[in-house]
């Protein structure tokens, strides 16, 4: 099996069997984003205690890449500190945009680097990571719930 095939299998598995799908009652932070150009939507709900993400869930609809990326995101940042989650979001975004090579500890997230071969799909993979950053920024600002952001770029 080639690396591309393995990456496709990981993305399809997360799409067919999403992890952490649903809402959190009374989240510490939440944000949503919608891309009207392709129809992808994602809402992220985060519960934070003592500076750590103790629970994170997502809802959304869209293509396999956007929904798989959100599923992978929730697994990757659960139990991380807010700062670690923000750093990971920057690392994944940099990898997707071709600004940096993936680090050695990305696990399933490394599968997302295959999306770089399809520039029009990079926005699909980045949508949930931008939404995570928006939710964490609203948390840091003491707002809690971020606005639904329309992404058109």
C-alpha atoms as a PDB file:
ATOM      1  CA  UNK A   1       0.000   0.000   0.000  1.00  0.00           C
ATOM      2  CA  UNK A   2       1.375   3.413  -0.960  1.00  0.00           C
ATOM      3  CA  UNK A   3       1.566   6.344   1.438  1.00  0.00           C
ATOM      4  CA  UNK A   4      -1.135   8.163  -0.568  1.00  0.00           C
ATOM      5  CA  UNK A   5      -3.465   5.175  -0.192  1.00  0.00           C
ATOM      6  CA  UNK A   6      -2.807   5.023   3.543  1.00  0.00           C
ATOM      7  CA  UNK A   7      -3.564   8.734   3.866  1.00  0.00           C
ATOM      8  CA  UNK A   8      -6.812   8.308   1.906  1.00  0.00           C
ATOM      9  CA  UNK A   9      -7.830   5.423   4.185  1.00  0.00           C
ATOM     10  CA  UNK A  10      -7.206   7.502   7.329  1.00  0.00           C
ATOM     11  CA  UNK A  11      -9.235  10.421   5.960  1.00  0.00           C
ATOM     12  CA  UNK A  12     -12.095   8.131   4.886  1.00  0.00           C
ATOM     13  CA  UNK A  13     -12.100   6.359   8.251  1.00  0.00           C
ATOM     14  CA  UNK A  14     -12.486   9.671  10.093  1.00  0.00           C
ATOM     15  CA  UNK A  15     -15.227  10.690   7.663  1.00  0.00           C
ATOM     16  CA  UNK A  16     -17.194   7.455   8.012  1.00  0.00           C
ATOM     17  CA  UNK A  17     -16.526   7.096  11.760  1.00  0.00           C
ATOM     18  CA  UNK A  18     -16.131  10.640  13.084  1.00  0.00           C
ATOM     19  CA  UNK A  19     -14.683  10.980  16.549  1.00  0.00           C
ATOM     20  CA  UNK A  20     -16.132  13.423  19.066  1.00  0.00           C
ATOM     21  CA  UNK A  21     -19.131  14.442  16.962  1.00  0.00           C
ATOM     22  CA  UNK A  22     -21.806  16.360  18.846  1.00  0.00           C
ATOM     23  CA  UNK A  23     -22.263  19.318  21.167  1.00  0.00           C
ATOM     24  CA  UNK A  24     -21.061  20.123  24.652  1.00  0.00           C
ATOM     25  CA  UNK A  25     -23.603  21.606  27.019  1.00  0.00           C
ATOM     26  CA  UNK A  26     -22.299  24.874  28.446  1.00  0.00           C
ATOM     27  CA  UNK A  27     -18.943  24.928  26.603  1.00  0.00           C
ATOM     28  CA  UNK A  28     -16.067  27.101  27.799  1.00  0.00           C
ATOM     29  CA  UNK A  29     -15.542  28.195  24.196  1.00  0.00           C
ATOM     30  CA  UNK A  30     -17.233  27.645  20.872  1.00  0.00           C
ATOM     31  CA  UNK A  31     -16.970  28.977  17.345  1.00  0.00           C
ATOM     32  CA  UNK A  32     -18.308  28.160  13.930  1.00  0.00           C
ATOM     33  CA  UNK A  33     -17.318  28.719  10.346  1.00  0.00           C
ATOM     34  CA  UNK A  34     -18.999  28.354   6.996  1.00  0.00           C
ATOM     35  CA  UNK A  35     -17.477  28.429   3.544  1.00  0.00           C
ATOM     36  CA  UNK A  36     -20.202  29.470   1.078  1.00  0.00           C
ATOM     37  CA  UNK A  37     -17.999  28.595  -1.907  1.00  0.00           C
ATOM     38  CA  UNK A  38     -18.083  24.876  -1.150  1.00  0.00           C
ATOM     39  CA  UNK A  39     -20.745  24.547   1.553  1.00  0.00           C
ATOM     40  CA  UNK A  40     -18.462  23.210   4.291  1.00  0.00           C
ATOM     41  CA  UNK A  41     -19.609  24.032   7.824  1.00  0.00           C
ATOM     42  CA  UNK A  42     -18.048  23.317  11.183  1.00  0.00           C
ATOM     43  CA  UNK A  43     -18.896  24.245  14.766  1.00  0.00           C
ATOM     44  CA  UNK A  44     -16.436  23.481  17.544  1.00  0.00           C
ATOM     45  CA  UNK A  45     -17.347  23.228  21.236  1.00  0.00           C
ATOM     46  CA  UNK A  46     -14.630  23.127  23.877  1.00  0.00           C
ATOM     47  CA  UNK A  47     -14.666  22.475  27.612  1.00  0.00           C
ATOM     48  CA  UNK A  48     -11.566  23.861  29.329  1.00  0.00           C
ATOM     49  CA  UNK A  49     -10.504  23.202  32.924  1.00  0.00           C
ATOM     50  CA  UNK A  50      -7.268  24.369  34.531  1.00  0.00           C
ATOM     51  CA  UNK A  51      -5.979  25.586  31.153  1.00  0.00           C
ATOM     52  CA  UNK A  52      -6.482  22.193  29.475  1.00  0.00           C
ATOM     53  CA  UNK A  53      -8.967  21.027  26.872  1.00  0.00           C
ATOM     54  CA  UNK A  54     -10.847  18.333  28.771  1.00  0.00           C
ATOM     55  CA  UNK A  55     -13.491  17.816  26.094  1.00  0.00           C
ATOM     56  CA  UNK A  56     -13.944  18.940  22.526  1.00  0.00           C
ATOM     57  CA  UNK A  57     -16.667  18.121  20.040  1.00  0.00           C
ATOM     58  CA  UNK A  58     -17.683  19.240  16.594  1.00  0.00           C
ATOM     59  CA  UNK A  59     -20.744  19.390  14.408  1.00  0.00           C
ATOM     60  CA  UNK A  60     -20.757  20.108  10.743  1.00  0.00           C
ATOM     61  CA  UNK A  61     -21.377  19.028   7.256  1.00  0.00           C
ATOM     62  CA  UNK A  62     -19.401  19.119   4.102  1.00  0.00           C
ATOM     63  CA  UNK A  63     -16.874  17.141   2.164  1.00  0.00           C
ATOM     64  CA  UNK A  64     -14.903  14.211   3.514  1.00  0.00           C
ATOM     65  CA  UNK A  65     -11.790  16.338   3.941  1.00  0.00           C
ATOM     66  CA  UNK A  66     -13.422  19.067   6.037  1.00  0.00           C
ATOM     67  CA  UNK A  67     -15.242  16.616   8.295  1.00  0.00           C
ATOM     68  CA  UNK A  68     -12.268  14.255   8.633  1.00  0.00           C
ATOM     69  CA  UNK A  69     -10.011  17.157   9.502  1.00  0.00           C
ATOM     70  CA  UNK A  70     -12.426  18.220  12.265  1.00  0.00           C
ATOM     71  CA  UNK A  71     -12.547  14.661  13.621  1.00  0.00           C
ATOM     72  CA  UNK A  72      -8.741  14.400  13.612  1.00  0.00           C
ATOM     73  CA  UNK A  73      -8.481  17.821  15.258  1.00  0.00           C
ATOM     74  CA  UNK A  74     -10.674  16.780  18.189  1.00  0.00           C
ATOM     75  CA  UNK A  75      -8.586  13.680  18.844  1.00  0.00           C
ATOM     76  CA  UNK A  76      -5.333  15.601  18.550  1.00  0.00           C
ATOM     77  CA  UNK A  77      -6.116  18.476  20.939  1.00  0.00           C
ATOM     78  CA  UNK A  78      -8.118  16.693  23.640  1.00  0.00           C
ATOM     79  CA  UNK A  79      -6.179  16.830  26.938  1.00  0.00           C
ATOM     80  CA  UNK A  80      -3.711  19.402  25.589  1.00  0.00           C
ATOM     81  CA  UNK A  81      -3.234  22.816  27.138  1.00  0.00           C
ATOM     82  CA  UNK A  82      -4.741  25.783  25.330  1.00  0.00           C
ATOM     83  CA  UNK A  83      -1.234  26.884  24.313  1.00  0.00           C
ATOM     84  CA  UNK A  84      -0.360  23.405  22.992  1.00  0.00           C
ATOM     85  CA  UNK A  85      -3.597  23.296  20.981  1.00  0.00           C
ATOM     86  CA  UNK A  86      -2.866  26.716  19.471  1.00  0.00           C
ATOM     87  CA  UNK A  87       0.678  25.644  18.574  1.00  0.00           C
ATOM     88  CA  UNK A  88      -0.613  22.437  16.974  1.00  0.00           C
ATOM     89  CA  UNK A  89      -3.161  24.427  14.946  1.00  0.00           C
ATOM     90  CA  UNK A  90      -0.346  26.648  13.671  1.00  0.00           C
ATOM     91  CA  UNK A  91       1.765  23.586  12.815  1.00  0.00           C
ATOM     92  CA  UNK A  92      -1.037  21.853  10.889  1.00  0.00           C
ATOM     93  CA  UNK A  93      -1.996  25.049   9.063  1.00  0.00           C
ATOM     94  CA  UNK A  94       1.675  25.584   8.118  1.00  0.00           C
ATOM     95  CA  UNK A  95       1.913  22.005   6.860  1.00  0.00           C
ATOM     96  CA  UNK A  96      -1.257  22.356   4.765  1.00  0.00           C
ATOM     97  CA  UNK A  97      -0.097  25.638   3.276  1.00  0.00           C
ATOM     98  CA  UNK A  98       3.326  24.183   2.456  1.00  0.00           C
ATOM     99  CA  UNK A  99       5.073  26.587   4.817  1.00  0.00           C
ATOM    100  CA  UNK A 100       6.620  23.797   6.925  1.00  0.00           C
ATOM    101  CA  UNK A 101       7.161  20.071   6.941  1.00  0.00           C
ATOM    102  CA  UNK A 102       5.102  18.006   9.354  1.00  0.00           C
ATOM    103  CA  UNK A 103       6.650  17.345  12.745  1.00  0.00           C
ATOM    104  CA  UNK A 104       7.440  13.811  13.880  1.00  0.00           C
ATOM    105  CA  UNK A 105       4.559  13.530  16.350  1.00  0.00           C
ATOM    106  CA  UNK A 106       1.544  14.378  14.195  1.00  0.00           C
ATOM    107  CA  UNK A 107       0.136  10.847  13.989  1.00  0.00           C
ATOM    108  CA  UNK A 108      -3.013  10.677  11.833  1.00  0.00           C
ATOM    109  CA  UNK A 109      -2.777  14.420  11.179  1.00  0.00           C
ATOM    110  CA  UNK A 110       0.107  13.725   8.839  1.00  0.00           C
ATOM    111  CA  UNK A 111      -2.468  12.235   6.434  1.00  0.00           C
ATOM    112  CA  UNK A 112      -3.732  15.767   5.799  1.00  0.00           C
ATOM    113  CA  UNK A 113      -0.506  16.695   4.022  1.00  0.00           C
ATOM    114  CA  UNK A 114      -1.793  14.760   1.000  1.00  0.00           C
ATOM    115  CA  UNK A 115      -4.389  17.519   0.570  1.00  0.00           C
ATOM    116  CA  UNK A 116      -1.591  19.864  -0.560  1.00  0.00           C
ATOM    117  CA  UNK A 117      -1.672  18.104  -3.937  1.00  0.00           C
ATOM    118  CA  UNK A 118      -5.155  19.593  -4.436  1.00  0.00           C
ATOM    119  CA  UNK A 119      -4.860  23.334  -3.679  1.00  0.00           C
ATOM    120  CA  UNK A 120      -8.612  23.944  -3.974  1.00  0.00           C
ATOM    121  CA  UNK A 121      -9.181  21.453  -1.114  1.00  0.00           C
ATOM    122  CA  UNK A 122      -6.716  23.036   1.336  1.00  0.00           C
ATOM    123  CA  UNK A 123      -9.469  25.383   2.557  1.00  0.00           C
ATOM    124  CA  UNK A 124     -11.568  22.331   3.378  1.00  0.00           C
ATOM    125  CA  UNK A 125      -8.854  20.889   5.606  1.00  0.00           C
ATOM    126  CA  UNK A 126      -7.979  24.209   7.280  1.00  0.00           C
ATOM    127  CA  UNK A 127     -11.575  25.230   8.117  1.00  0.00           C
ATOM    128  CA  UNK A 128     -11.764  23.386  11.448  1.00  0.00           C
ATOM    129  CA  UNK A 129      -8.264  24.502  12.486  1.00  0.00           C
ATOM    130  CA  UNK A 130      -9.167  28.159  11.883  1.00  0.00           C
ATOM    131  CA  UNK A 131     -12.373  27.583  13.851  1.00  0.00           C
ATOM    132  CA  UNK A 132     -10.390  26.092  16.742  1.00  0.00           C
ATOM    133  CA  UNK A 133      -8.164  29.174  16.785  1.00  0.00           C
ATOM    134  CA  UNK A 134     -11.241  31.439  16.771  1.00  0.00           C
ATOM    135  CA  UNK A 135     -12.788  29.517  19.689  1.00  0.00           C
ATOM    136  CA  UNK A 136      -9.577  29.651  21.712  1.00  0.00           C
ATOM    137  CA  UNK A 137      -9.125  33.364  20.959  1.00  0.00           C
ATOM    138  CA  UNK A 138     -12.648  34.055  22.210  1.00  0.00           C
ATOM    139  CA  UNK A 139     -11.889  32.009  25.339  1.00  0.00           C
ATOM    140  CA  UNK A 140      -8.695  33.985  25.998  1.00  0.00           C
ATOM    141  CA  UNK A 141     -10.613  37.231  25.482  1.00  0.00           C
ATOM    142  CA  UNK A 142     -13.188  36.102  28.027  1.00  0.00           C
ATOM    143  CA  UNK A 143     -15.978  36.004  25.461  1.00  0.00           C
ATOM    144  CA  UNK A 144     -16.514  32.237  25.513  1.00  0.00           C
ATOM    145  CA  UNK A 145     -18.507  31.794  22.337  1.00  0.00           C
ATOM    146  CA  UNK A 146     -17.140  33.074  19.061  1.00  0.00           C
ATOM    147  CA  UNK A 147     -19.341  34.199  16.212  1.00  0.00           C
ATOM    148  CA  UNK A 148     -20.012  32.038  13.199  1.00  0.00           C
ATOM    149  CA  UNK A 149     -17.466  33.208  10.701  1.00  0.00           C
ATOM    150  CA  UNK A 150     -18.052  33.119   6.960  1.00  0.00           C
ATOM    151  CA  UNK A 151     -14.870  32.059   5.200  1.00  0.00           C
ATOM    152  CA  UNK A 152     -14.599  33.113   1.585  1.00  0.00           C
ATOM    153  CA  UNK A 153     -10.849  33.190   1.009  1.00  0.00           C
END
